[in-house]
């Protein structure tokens, strides 16, 4: 029985906690899981070479098998924003916005970037309608 198996387990737990506290792209958690696996195996196997090989192979396998699935799950969860929620709402220009240019608008009491997607200039303090959204920028037209 290996005397230092608990070092692998503690290292693995610390790596999993570090993944929770920092966005590392699911590398630290796989390092942590590989280390915990090696800690369990090293309780029975005394060879450091076998432990290091198992750690390397298990980390690489975890990354290859599970990283894309984890990223897809997280990105799918974060990407569920309904753009139609803002379409048709009335905003107010905070500055003059020429056709095709960007400027500041106010929507729901918050300042945003608005792009004039209409065919007439929007003077300052004019009501405009939200047509669509491009990221954090709203496409607006004269009301």
N, C-alpha and C. Protein backbone atom coordinates (compact mmCIF):
# COMPACT_ATOMS: atom_id res chain seq x y z
N UNK A 1 0.84 -1.18 0.00
CA UNK A 1 0.00 0.00 0.00
C UNK A 1 0.89 1.24 0.00
N UNK A 2 0.57 2.19 -0.89
CA UNK A 2 1.35 3.42 -1.02
C UNK A 2 0.99 4.37 0.10
N UNK A 3 2.00 4.99 0.69
CA UNK A 3 1.78 5.84 1.85
C UNK A 3 1.20 7.20 1.46
N UNK A 4 1.51 7.69 0.28
CA UNK A 4 1.15 9.06 -0.09
C UNK A 4 -0.03 9.13 -1.06
N UNK A 5 -0.95 8.21 -1.04
CA UNK A 5 -2.11 8.23 -1.93
C UNK A 5 -2.98 9.46 -1.69
N UNK A 6 -3.01 9.94 -0.46
CA UNK A 6 -3.87 11.06 -0.10
C UNK A 6 -3.39 12.36 -0.74
N UNK A 7 -2.12 12.46 -1.10
CA UNK A 7 -1.62 13.66 -1.77
C UNK A 7 -2.31 13.82 -3.13
N UNK A 8 -2.45 12.70 -3.86
CA UNK A 8 -3.15 12.75 -5.15
C UNK A 8 -4.59 13.21 -4.96
N UNK A 9 -5.25 12.68 -3.94
CA UNK A 9 -6.66 13.01 -3.71
C UNK A 9 -6.81 14.49 -3.34
N UNK A 10 -5.97 14.99 -2.45
CA UNK A 10 -6.05 16.40 -2.06
C UNK A 10 -5.75 17.30 -3.26
N UNK A 11 -4.73 16.94 -4.06
CA UNK A 11 -4.42 17.69 -5.26
C UNK A 11 -5.62 17.70 -6.21
N UNK A 12 -6.27 16.55 -6.37
CA UNK A 12 -7.44 16.48 -7.24
C UNK A 12 -8.58 17.34 -6.75
N UNK A 13 -8.83 17.33 -5.46
CA UNK A 13 -9.90 18.16 -4.90
C UNK A 13 -9.58 19.64 -5.09
N UNK A 14 -8.34 20.02 -4.88
CA UNK A 14 -7.95 21.42 -5.07
C UNK A 14 -8.11 21.86 -6.53
N UNK A 15 -7.78 20.98 -7.46
CA UNK A 15 -7.95 21.32 -8.87
C UNK A 15 -9.43 21.47 -9.23
N UNK A 16 -10.28 20.61 -8.69
CA UNK A 16 -11.72 20.73 -8.94
C UNK A 16 -12.26 22.04 -8.36
N UNK A 17 -11.80 22.41 -7.19
CA UNK A 17 -12.21 23.69 -6.59
C UNK A 17 -11.70 24.87 -7.40
N UNK A 18 -10.49 24.76 -7.90
CA UNK A 18 -9.93 25.83 -8.73
C UNK A 18 -10.74 26.00 -10.01
N UNK A 19 -11.24 24.91 -10.57
CA UNK A 19 -12.09 24.99 -11.77
C UNK A 19 -13.37 25.74 -11.47
N UNK A 20 -13.93 25.52 -10.30
CA UNK A 20 -15.16 26.20 -9.92
C UNK A 20 -14.92 27.70 -9.77
N UNK A 21 -13.76 28.08 -9.22
CA UNK A 21 -13.48 29.49 -8.94
C UNK A 21 -12.94 30.25 -10.15
N UNK A 22 -12.38 29.57 -11.12
CA UNK A 22 -11.82 30.24 -12.29
C UNK A 22 -12.31 29.55 -13.55
N UNK A 23 -12.62 30.31 -14.58
CA UNK A 23 -13.04 29.68 -15.83
C UNK A 23 -11.83 29.21 -16.63
N UNK A 24 -11.49 27.94 -16.55
CA UNK A 24 -10.30 27.45 -17.23
C UNK A 24 -10.63 26.59 -18.43
N UNK A 25 -11.89 26.50 -18.80
CA UNK A 25 -12.26 25.73 -19.97
C UNK A 25 -12.28 24.24 -19.73
N UNK A 26 -12.57 23.81 -18.51
CA UNK A 26 -12.69 22.40 -18.14
C UNK A 26 -11.38 21.64 -18.24
N UNK A 27 -10.27 22.30 -18.00
CA UNK A 27 -9.00 21.57 -17.92
C UNK A 27 -8.68 21.21 -16.47
N UNK A 28 -8.87 22.15 -15.57
CA UNK A 28 -8.52 21.89 -14.17
C UNK A 28 -9.37 20.79 -13.56
N UNK A 29 -10.65 20.73 -13.94
CA UNK A 29 -11.50 19.69 -13.37
C UNK A 29 -11.06 18.31 -13.86
N UNK A 30 -10.59 18.23 -15.10
CA UNK A 30 -10.13 16.93 -15.61
C UNK A 30 -8.78 16.55 -15.00
N UNK A 31 -7.94 17.54 -14.71
CA UNK A 31 -6.71 17.26 -13.97
C UNK A 31 -7.08 16.73 -12.58
N UNK A 32 -8.07 17.39 -11.95
CA UNK A 32 -8.50 16.97 -10.62
C UNK A 32 -9.09 15.58 -10.61
N UNK A 33 -9.93 15.28 -11.58
CA UNK A 33 -10.53 13.95 -11.63
C UNK A 33 -9.48 12.87 -11.90
N UNK A 34 -8.52 13.18 -12.76
CA UNK A 34 -7.43 12.22 -13.02
C UNK A 34 -6.61 12.00 -11.76
N UNK A 35 -6.35 13.08 -11.02
CA UNK A 35 -5.58 12.95 -9.78
C UNK A 35 -6.33 12.14 -8.73
N UNK A 36 -7.62 12.33 -8.62
CA UNK A 36 -8.41 11.54 -7.66
C UNK A 36 -8.40 10.07 -8.06
N UNK A 37 -8.55 9.79 -9.35
CA UNK A 37 -8.48 8.42 -9.83
C UNK A 37 -7.13 7.78 -9.49
N UNK A 38 -6.05 8.53 -9.72
CA UNK A 38 -4.71 8.01 -9.40
C UNK A 38 -4.57 7.82 -7.89
N UNK A 39 -5.16 8.71 -7.10
CA UNK A 39 -5.11 8.55 -5.64
C UNK A 39 -5.76 7.26 -5.18
N UNK A 40 -6.89 6.94 -5.78
CA UNK A 40 -7.57 5.70 -5.42
C UNK A 40 -6.72 4.49 -5.84
N UNK A 41 -6.19 4.53 -7.08
CA UNK A 41 -5.38 3.41 -7.56
C UNK A 41 -4.07 3.31 -6.78
N UNK A 42 -3.46 4.45 -6.44
CA UNK A 42 -2.17 4.41 -5.75
C UNK A 42 -2.29 3.89 -4.31
N UNK A 43 -3.51 3.80 -3.80
CA UNK A 43 -3.71 3.18 -2.50
C UNK A 43 -3.31 1.71 -2.56
N UNK A 44 -3.47 1.12 -3.75
CA UNK A 44 -3.17 -0.30 -3.95
C UNK A 44 -1.88 -0.54 -4.73
N UNK A 45 -1.45 0.43 -5.56
CA UNK A 45 -0.26 0.27 -6.40
C UNK A 45 0.82 1.22 -5.91
N UNK A 46 2.01 0.71 -5.69
CA UNK A 46 3.08 1.50 -5.09
C UNK A 46 4.01 2.14 -6.10
N UNK A 47 3.87 1.85 -7.38
CA UNK A 47 4.81 2.32 -8.39
C UNK A 47 4.49 3.74 -8.83
N UNK A 48 5.44 4.64 -8.66
CA UNK A 48 5.26 6.03 -9.09
C UNK A 48 5.16 6.12 -10.60
N UNK A 49 5.89 5.29 -11.32
CA UNK A 49 5.83 5.31 -12.79
C UNK A 49 4.42 4.97 -13.26
N UNK A 50 3.82 3.95 -12.68
CA UNK A 50 2.45 3.57 -13.05
C UNK A 50 1.48 4.70 -12.71
N UNK A 51 1.69 5.35 -11.57
CA UNK A 51 0.82 6.45 -11.18
C UNK A 51 0.90 7.60 -12.18
N UNK A 52 2.12 7.95 -12.58
CA UNK A 52 2.28 9.06 -13.52
C UNK A 52 1.72 8.73 -14.90
N UNK A 53 1.91 7.50 -15.34
CA UNK A 53 1.35 7.08 -16.62
C UNK A 53 -0.18 7.10 -16.55
N UNK A 54 -0.75 6.56 -15.47
CA UNK A 54 -2.21 6.55 -15.30
C UNK A 54 -2.75 7.99 -15.25
N UNK A 55 -2.05 8.88 -14.56
CA UNK A 55 -2.48 10.27 -14.47
C UNK A 55 -2.50 10.90 -15.86
N UNK A 56 -1.43 10.73 -16.63
CA UNK A 56 -1.34 11.33 -17.96
C UNK A 56 -2.41 10.78 -18.90
N UNK A 57 -2.54 9.47 -18.92
CA UNK A 57 -3.50 8.83 -19.82
C UNK A 57 -4.93 9.19 -19.44
N UNK A 58 -5.24 9.16 -18.16
CA UNK A 58 -6.61 9.46 -17.74
C UNK A 58 -6.96 10.93 -18.00
N UNK A 59 -6.02 11.84 -17.79
CA UNK A 59 -6.28 13.26 -18.07
C UNK A 59 -6.56 13.45 -19.56
N UNK A 60 -5.73 12.87 -20.40
CA UNK A 60 -5.93 13.02 -21.86
C UNK A 60 -7.26 12.41 -22.29
N UNK A 61 -7.59 11.23 -21.76
CA UNK A 61 -8.87 10.61 -22.10
C UNK A 61 -10.06 11.44 -21.62
N UNK A 62 -9.99 11.97 -20.41
CA UNK A 62 -11.07 12.81 -19.91
C UNK A 62 -11.28 14.02 -20.81
N UNK A 63 -10.19 14.66 -21.21
CA UNK A 63 -10.30 15.84 -22.08
C UNK A 63 -10.88 15.45 -23.43
N UNK A 64 -10.37 14.39 -24.03
CA UNK A 64 -10.84 13.99 -25.35
C UNK A 64 -12.30 13.51 -25.33
N UNK A 65 -12.71 12.84 -24.29
CA UNK A 65 -14.06 12.27 -24.24
C UNK A 65 -15.13 13.23 -23.74
N UNK A 66 -14.77 14.12 -22.80
CA UNK A 66 -15.82 14.89 -22.12
C UNK A 66 -15.76 16.40 -22.28
N UNK A 67 -14.65 16.99 -22.71
CA UNK A 67 -14.53 18.45 -22.72
C UNK A 67 -15.53 19.09 -23.68
N UNK A 68 -15.61 18.59 -24.91
CA UNK A 68 -16.54 19.19 -25.88
C UNK A 68 -17.99 19.09 -25.39
N UNK A 69 -18.34 17.96 -24.79
CA UNK A 69 -19.70 17.80 -24.28
C UNK A 69 -19.99 18.80 -23.16
N UNK A 70 -19.02 19.00 -22.28
CA UNK A 70 -19.21 19.96 -21.18
C UNK A 70 -19.32 21.38 -21.72
N UNK A 71 -18.46 21.75 -22.66
CA UNK A 71 -18.51 23.09 -23.23
C UNK A 71 -19.82 23.32 -23.98
N UNK A 72 -20.27 22.32 -24.72
CA UNK A 72 -21.52 22.45 -25.46
C UNK A 72 -22.68 22.63 -24.49
N UNK A 73 -22.67 21.88 -23.40
CA UNK A 73 -23.74 21.99 -22.41
C UNK A 73 -23.76 23.38 -21.78
N UNK A 74 -22.60 23.89 -21.40
CA UNK A 74 -22.53 25.22 -20.78
C UNK A 74 -22.90 26.31 -21.77
N UNK A 75 -22.39 26.24 -23.00
CA UNK A 75 -22.69 27.26 -24.01
C UNK A 75 -24.16 27.23 -24.40
N UNK A 76 -24.75 26.05 -24.48
CA UNK A 76 -26.17 25.95 -24.79
C UNK A 76 -27.00 26.58 -23.70
N UNK A 77 -26.59 26.38 -22.48
CA UNK A 77 -27.32 26.94 -21.35
C UNK A 77 -27.21 28.48 -21.34
N UNK A 78 -26.02 29.01 -21.68
CA UNK A 78 -25.80 30.46 -21.67
C UNK A 78 -26.38 31.15 -22.89
N UNK A 79 -26.58 30.44 -23.99
CA UNK A 79 -27.00 31.07 -25.25
C UNK A 79 -28.51 31.18 -25.40
N UNK A 80 -29.26 30.77 -24.40
CA UNK A 80 -30.71 30.79 -24.53
C UNK A 80 -31.26 32.16 -24.14
N UNK A 81 -31.00 33.16 -25.01
CA UNK A 81 -31.51 34.51 -24.81
C UNK A 81 -32.53 34.76 -25.91
N UNK A 82 -33.69 35.21 -25.55
CA UNK A 82 -34.76 35.44 -26.50
C UNK A 82 -34.68 36.87 -27.01
N UNK A 83 -34.23 37.03 -28.28
CA UNK A 83 -34.11 38.36 -28.87
C UNK A 83 -35.47 38.99 -29.14
N UNK A 84 -36.49 38.18 -29.35
CA UNK A 84 -37.81 38.72 -29.67
C UNK A 84 -38.41 39.48 -28.49
N UNK A 85 -37.84 39.31 -27.33
CA UNK A 85 -38.32 40.02 -26.15
C UNK A 85 -38.21 41.53 -26.33
N UNK A 86 -37.23 42.01 -27.07
CA UNK A 86 -37.01 43.45 -27.25
C UNK A 86 -37.61 43.98 -28.54
N UNK A 87 -37.85 43.11 -29.50
CA UNK A 87 -38.34 43.56 -30.80
C UNK A 87 -39.69 44.26 -30.65
N UNK A 88 -39.77 45.43 -31.24
CA UNK A 88 -41.00 46.22 -31.20
C UNK A 88 -41.09 47.18 -30.03
N UNK A 89 -40.18 47.10 -29.08
CA UNK A 89 -40.22 48.02 -27.95
C UNK A 89 -39.79 49.42 -28.38
N UNK A 90 -40.22 50.39 -27.60
CA UNK A 90 -39.90 51.78 -27.89
C UNK A 90 -38.72 52.21 -27.03
N UNK A 91 -37.71 52.79 -27.69
CA UNK A 91 -36.54 53.33 -27.00
C UNK A 91 -36.46 54.82 -27.30
N UNK A 92 -35.53 55.48 -26.68
CA UNK A 92 -35.33 56.93 -26.90
C UNK A 92 -33.86 57.16 -27.20
N UNK A 93 -33.59 57.94 -28.23
CA UNK A 93 -32.20 58.25 -28.57
C UNK A 93 -31.64 59.24 -27.55
N UNK A 94 -30.41 59.02 -27.15
CA UNK A 94 -29.74 59.93 -26.22
C UNK A 94 -28.84 60.91 -26.97
N UNK A 95 -28.63 60.63 -28.25
CA UNK A 95 -27.84 61.51 -29.12
C UNK A 95 -28.34 61.33 -30.53
N UNK A 96 -27.97 62.22 -31.41
CA UNK A 96 -28.37 62.13 -32.80
C UNK A 96 -27.67 60.93 -33.45
N UNK A 97 -28.44 60.12 -34.20
CA UNK A 97 -27.88 58.93 -34.84
C UNK A 97 -28.19 58.99 -36.33
N UNK A 98 -27.18 59.28 -37.16
CA UNK A 98 -27.40 59.30 -38.61
C UNK A 98 -27.70 57.89 -39.14
N UNK A 99 -28.25 57.81 -40.34
CA UNK A 99 -28.58 56.52 -40.96
C UNK A 99 -27.33 55.66 -41.08
N UNK A 100 -27.43 54.41 -40.62
CA UNK A 100 -26.33 53.47 -40.71
C UNK A 100 -25.25 53.63 -39.66
N UNK A 101 -25.37 54.63 -38.80
CA UNK A 101 -24.36 54.89 -37.76
C UNK A 101 -24.85 54.39 -36.41
N UNK A 102 -23.93 54.35 -35.47
CA UNK A 102 -24.25 53.93 -34.11
C UNK A 102 -24.31 55.13 -33.18
N UNK A 103 -25.11 55.00 -32.13
CA UNK A 103 -25.22 56.04 -31.12
C UNK A 103 -25.83 55.45 -29.87
N UNK A 104 -26.02 56.28 -28.89
CA UNK A 104 -26.56 55.83 -27.61
C UNK A 104 -28.08 55.95 -27.60
N UNK A 105 -28.73 54.88 -27.08
CA UNK A 105 -30.18 54.90 -26.88
C UNK A 105 -30.47 54.49 -25.44
N UNK A 106 -31.68 54.79 -25.02
CA UNK A 106 -32.13 54.38 -23.69
C UNK A 106 -33.30 53.43 -23.86
N UNK A 107 -33.18 52.25 -23.25
CA UNK A 107 -34.24 51.25 -23.30
C UNK A 107 -34.41 50.68 -21.91
N UNK A 108 -35.64 50.72 -21.41
CA UNK A 108 -35.95 50.22 -20.07
C UNK A 108 -35.08 50.88 -18.99
N UNK A 109 -34.77 52.15 -19.17
CA UNK A 109 -34.01 52.89 -18.18
C UNK A 109 -32.51 52.66 -18.22
N UNK A 110 -32.02 51.95 -19.22
CA UNK A 110 -30.59 51.64 -19.32
C UNK A 110 -30.06 52.11 -20.66
N UNK A 111 -28.84 52.63 -20.66
CA UNK A 111 -28.20 53.08 -21.90
C UNK A 111 -27.64 51.90 -22.68
N UNK A 112 -27.87 51.91 -23.99
CA UNK A 112 -27.40 50.87 -24.89
C UNK A 112 -26.80 51.51 -26.14
N UNK A 113 -26.15 50.69 -26.92
CA UNK A 113 -25.70 51.14 -28.23
C UNK A 113 -26.78 50.79 -29.22
N UNK A 114 -27.17 51.78 -30.04
CA UNK A 114 -28.18 51.55 -31.06
C UNK A 114 -27.63 51.91 -32.42
N UNK A 115 -28.00 51.14 -33.42
CA UNK A 115 -27.60 51.41 -34.80
C UNK A 115 -28.84 51.79 -35.58
N UNK A 116 -28.79 52.90 -36.28
CA UNK A 116 -29.92 53.37 -37.05
C UNK A 116 -30.05 52.53 -38.32
N UNK A 117 -31.02 51.64 -38.33
CA UNK A 117 -31.26 50.77 -39.48
C UNK A 117 -32.36 51.29 -40.38
N UNK A 118 -32.82 52.49 -40.13
CA UNK A 118 -33.88 53.07 -40.95
C UNK A 118 -33.33 53.88 -42.10
N UNK A 119 -34.23 54.67 -42.74
CA UNK A 119 -33.80 55.48 -43.87
C UNK A 119 -33.82 56.98 -43.58
N UNK A 120 -34.06 57.34 -42.30
CA UNK A 120 -33.99 58.75 -41.90
C UNK A 120 -33.14 58.88 -40.64
N UNK A 121 -32.49 60.04 -40.51
CA UNK A 121 -31.68 60.29 -39.32
C UNK A 121 -32.59 60.37 -38.09
N UNK A 122 -32.02 59.98 -36.95
CA UNK A 122 -32.74 60.04 -35.69
C UNK A 122 -32.14 61.16 -34.83
N UNK A 123 -32.88 62.25 -34.63
CA UNK A 123 -32.36 63.33 -33.78
C UNK A 123 -32.30 62.87 -32.31
N UNK A 124 -31.59 63.63 -31.51
CA UNK A 124 -31.49 63.34 -30.09
C UNK A 124 -32.87 63.44 -29.44
N UNK A 125 -33.12 62.61 -28.44
CA UNK A 125 -34.36 62.59 -27.67
C UNK A 125 -35.59 62.26 -28.55
N UNK A 126 -35.40 61.32 -29.48
CA UNK A 126 -36.48 60.88 -30.35
C UNK A 126 -36.85 59.45 -30.01
N UNK A 127 -38.15 59.17 -30.04
CA UNK A 127 -38.58 57.80 -29.82
C UNK A 127 -38.30 56.98 -31.08
N UNK A 128 -37.81 55.76 -30.85
CA UNK A 128 -37.52 54.87 -31.96
C UNK A 128 -37.95 53.46 -31.57
N UNK A 129 -38.13 52.61 -32.56
CA UNK A 129 -38.59 51.25 -32.34
C UNK A 129 -37.42 50.28 -32.53
N UNK A 130 -37.32 49.28 -31.63
CA UNK A 130 -36.30 48.24 -31.74
C UNK A 130 -36.73 47.28 -32.86
N UNK A 131 -35.87 47.10 -33.86
CA UNK A 131 -36.17 46.21 -34.98
C UNK A 131 -35.55 44.83 -34.74
N UNK A 132 -34.30 44.83 -34.27
CA UNK A 132 -33.61 43.57 -33.99
C UNK A 132 -32.45 43.85 -33.04
N UNK A 133 -31.70 42.81 -32.77
CA UNK A 133 -30.56 42.94 -31.87
C UNK A 133 -29.38 42.20 -32.46
N UNK A 134 -28.19 42.80 -32.32
CA UNK A 134 -26.95 42.18 -32.77
C UNK A 134 -25.99 42.19 -31.59
N UNK A 135 -25.98 41.11 -30.80
CA UNK A 135 -25.17 41.08 -29.59
C UNK A 135 -25.74 42.03 -28.57
N UNK A 136 -24.94 43.03 -28.19
CA UNK A 136 -25.40 44.04 -27.24
C UNK A 136 -25.84 45.33 -27.94
N UNK A 137 -25.91 45.30 -29.24
CA UNK A 137 -26.30 46.48 -30.03
C UNK A 137 -27.70 46.27 -30.59
N UNK A 138 -28.54 47.28 -30.44
CA UNK A 138 -29.90 47.21 -30.96
C UNK A 138 -29.98 47.94 -32.29
N UNK A 139 -30.70 47.36 -33.24
CA UNK A 139 -30.97 48.00 -34.51
C UNK A 139 -32.32 48.72 -34.34
N UNK A 140 -32.31 50.03 -34.59
CA UNK A 140 -33.51 50.84 -34.34
C UNK A 140 -33.92 51.57 -35.62
N UNK A 141 -35.21 51.94 -35.66
CA UNK A 141 -35.77 52.76 -36.74
C UNK A 141 -36.69 53.78 -36.14
N UNK A 142 -36.93 54.83 -36.92
CA UNK A 142 -37.84 55.86 -36.44
C UNK A 142 -39.22 55.26 -36.20
N UNK A 143 -39.86 55.69 -35.14
CA UNK A 143 -41.16 55.15 -34.73
C UNK A 143 -42.23 55.46 -35.72
